């Protein structure tokens, strides 16, 4: 019974830090474009891009773990023109951590889905959020 109070405090502090962190991401130009809950025993996870972000080209994406730990080996970004971009991530992600930004070549196309290749979580589920920075398309419309 004595451990419940510190655990609740830890969870509250972690939730507050995650909220603060997500607010700073959007201030830096990062927008949440997708999210996936990964259950134990999965070795791939397909992240659909949310409908309000589906036709927007992005120049950079990164992955943020909000729950559980997860080893991301690689990712495939499926573009609207059919091209697939391979990303080598190779990172063990703990809750609250994120990958570096991965550049996406801008050809005026949007991201349709992202497939993550992972090492399956052993005894817990994980949650991954995808953030992106919009590509500047103002020069291409001339």
Protein backbone atom coordinates (compact mmCIF):
# COMPACT_ATOMS: atom_id res chain seq x y z
CA UNK A 1 0.00 0.00 0.00
CA UNK A 2 2.88 2.40 0.64
CA UNK A 3 4.00 2.27 -3.01
CA UNK A 4 0.68 3.43 -4.46
CA UNK A 5 1.19 7.12 -3.64
CA UNK A 6 4.65 7.36 -5.31
CA UNK A 7 3.35 5.44 -8.35
CA UNK A 8 0.37 7.80 -8.69
CA UNK A 9 2.70 10.77 -8.35
CA UNK A 10 5.02 9.31 -10.98
CA UNK A 11 2.12 8.70 -13.38
CA UNK A 12 0.76 12.22 -12.84
CA UNK A 13 4.18 13.74 -13.41
CA UNK A 14 4.69 11.65 -16.53
CA UNK A 15 1.29 12.69 -17.92
CA UNK A 16 2.06 16.38 -17.27
CA UNK A 17 5.45 16.08 -18.99
CA UNK A 18 3.87 14.36 -22.00
CA UNK A 19 1.25 17.11 -22.28
CA UNK A 20 3.94 19.80 -22.08
CA UNK A 21 6.09 17.94 -24.61
CA UNK A 22 3.22 17.57 -27.10
CA UNK A 23 2.48 21.30 -26.80
CA UNK A 24 6.11 22.19 -27.57
CA UNK A 25 6.11 19.87 -30.59
CA UNK A 26 3.27 21.77 -32.23
CA UNK A 27 4.94 25.09 -31.43
CA UNK A 28 8.02 23.96 -33.38
CA UNK A 29 6.00 23.13 -36.50
CA UNK A 30 5.42 19.46 -35.65
CA UNK A 31 1.86 18.22 -36.15
CA UNK A 32 0.45 14.87 -35.10
CA UNK A 33 -0.46 13.00 -38.28
CA UNK A 34 -1.10 9.47 -37.01
CA UNK A 35 -1.15 7.15 -34.03
CA UNK A 36 -1.13 3.40 -33.45
CA UNK A 37 -1.63 1.18 -30.41
CA UNK A 38 0.64 -1.86 -30.73
CA UNK A 39 -0.30 -5.05 -28.93
CA UNK A 40 2.17 -7.74 -27.82
CA UNK A 41 3.28 -10.24 -30.47
CA UNK A 42 2.98 -7.86 -33.43
CA UNK A 43 6.05 -7.51 -35.64
CA UNK A 44 4.59 -4.85 -37.95
CA UNK A 45 2.28 -1.92 -37.34
CA UNK A 46 0.48 0.01 -40.06
CA UNK A 47 -0.20 3.63 -39.19
CA UNK A 48 -2.90 5.28 -41.28
CA UNK A 49 -2.50 9.00 -41.74
CA UNK A 50 -5.45 10.87 -40.25
CA UNK A 51 -8.01 12.08 -42.78
CA UNK A 52 -7.45 15.78 -42.07
CA UNK A 53 -3.71 15.32 -42.84
CA UNK A 54 -4.11 12.89 -45.74
CA UNK A 55 -3.56 15.33 -48.63
CA UNK A 56 -0.86 17.48 -47.05
CA UNK A 57 2.77 16.94 -48.13
CA UNK A 58 5.23 16.57 -45.25
CA UNK A 59 8.99 17.15 -45.42
CA UNK A 60 9.96 15.42 -42.16
CA UNK A 61 8.47 12.74 -39.91
CA UNK A 62 9.41 11.36 -36.51
CA UNK A 63 8.05 8.76 -34.10
CA UNK A 64 7.22 9.34 -30.44
CA UNK A 65 6.44 6.59 -27.91
CA UNK A 66 3.78 7.54 -25.37
CA UNK A 67 3.26 4.16 -23.66
CA UNK A 68 5.42 1.07 -23.24
CA UNK A 69 8.82 0.53 -24.80
CA UNK A 70 9.35 -0.51 -28.38
CA UNK A 71 12.28 -1.42 -30.64
CA UNK A 72 11.68 0.04 -34.10
CA UNK A 73 13.89 -1.62 -36.70
CA UNK A 74 12.74 0.21 -39.82
CA UNK A 75 9.79 1.92 -41.45
CA UNK A 76 8.30 2.16 -44.92
CA UNK A 77 6.55 5.38 -45.86
CA UNK A 78 3.94 4.84 -48.58
CA UNK A 79 3.41 7.97 -50.67
CA UNK A 80 0.31 9.03 -52.61
CA UNK A 81 2.07 8.48 -55.96
CA UNK A 82 2.85 4.84 -55.08
CA UNK A 83 6.52 5.31 -54.17
CA UNK A 84 7.74 3.68 -50.94
CA UNK A 85 10.49 5.34 -48.92
CA UNK A 86 12.56 3.11 -46.61
CA UNK A 87 13.68 4.52 -43.26
CA UNK A 88 16.29 2.77 -41.12
CA UNK A 89 15.37 3.60 -37.53
CA UNK A 90 17.18 0.94 -35.41
CA UNK A 91 16.22 2.42 -32.05
CA UNK A 92 14.92 1.14 -28.73
CA UNK A 93 12.27 3.62 -27.67
CA UNK A 94 11.22 4.12 -24.05
CA UNK A 95 8.06 6.00 -23.04
CA UNK A 96 8.41 9.73 -23.67
CA UNK A 97 11.27 9.38 -26.15
CA UNK A 98 11.25 10.07 -29.87
CA UNK A 99 13.34 9.39 -32.93
CA UNK A 100 15.18 12.02 -34.89
CA UNK A 101 13.37 13.64 -37.79
CA UNK A 102 13.51 11.65 -41.03
CA UNK A 103 13.48 13.76 -44.21
CA UNK A 104 10.87 12.92 -46.83
CA UNK A 105 11.74 14.05 -50.37
CA UNK A 106 9.16 16.63 -51.39
CA UNK A 107 7.58 16.11 -54.79
CA UNK A 108 4.17 17.58 -53.96
CA UNK A 109 2.82 14.24 -52.76
CA UNK A 110 1.32 13.21 -49.45
CA UNK A 111 1.86 10.27 -47.12
CA UNK A 112 -0.84 7.59 -47.24
CA UNK A 113 0.45 5.20 -44.58
CA UNK A 114 3.54 4.20 -42.64
CA UNK A 115 4.46 0.60 -41.85
CA UNK A 116 6.72 0.09 -38.84
CA UNK A 117 8.84 -3.05 -38.56
CA UNK A 118 9.35 -3.72 -34.87
CA UNK A 119 10.62 -6.27 -32.44
CA UNK A 120 7.50 -7.45 -30.68
CA UNK A 121 6.93 -6.14 -27.16
CA UNK A 122 7.21 -9.05 -24.77
CA UNK A 123 4.67 -8.35 -22.05
CA UNK A 124 3.07 -4.99 -22.63
CA UNK A 125 1.37 -2.89 -25.27
CA UNK A 126 2.90 0.24 -26.73
CA UNK A 127 1.59 3.40 -28.32
CA UNK A 128 3.42 5.28 -31.08
CA UNK A 129 2.53 8.73 -32.39
CA UNK A 130 3.77 10.05 -35.74
CA UNK A 131 4.58 13.74 -36.08
CA UNK A 132 5.33 15.60 -39.28
CA UNK A 133 6.46 19.02 -40.49
CA UNK A 134 4.52 20.32 -43.47
CA UNK A 135 6.42 20.87 -46.71
CA UNK A 136 6.52 24.38 -48.10
CA UNK A 137 4.51 24.20 -51.32
CA UNK A 138 4.21 27.96 -51.90
CA UNK A 139 7.12 28.05 -54.42
CA UNK A 140 5.76 25.14 -56.49
CA UNK A 141 2.41 26.75 -57.25
CA UNK A 142 3.89 29.50 -59.46
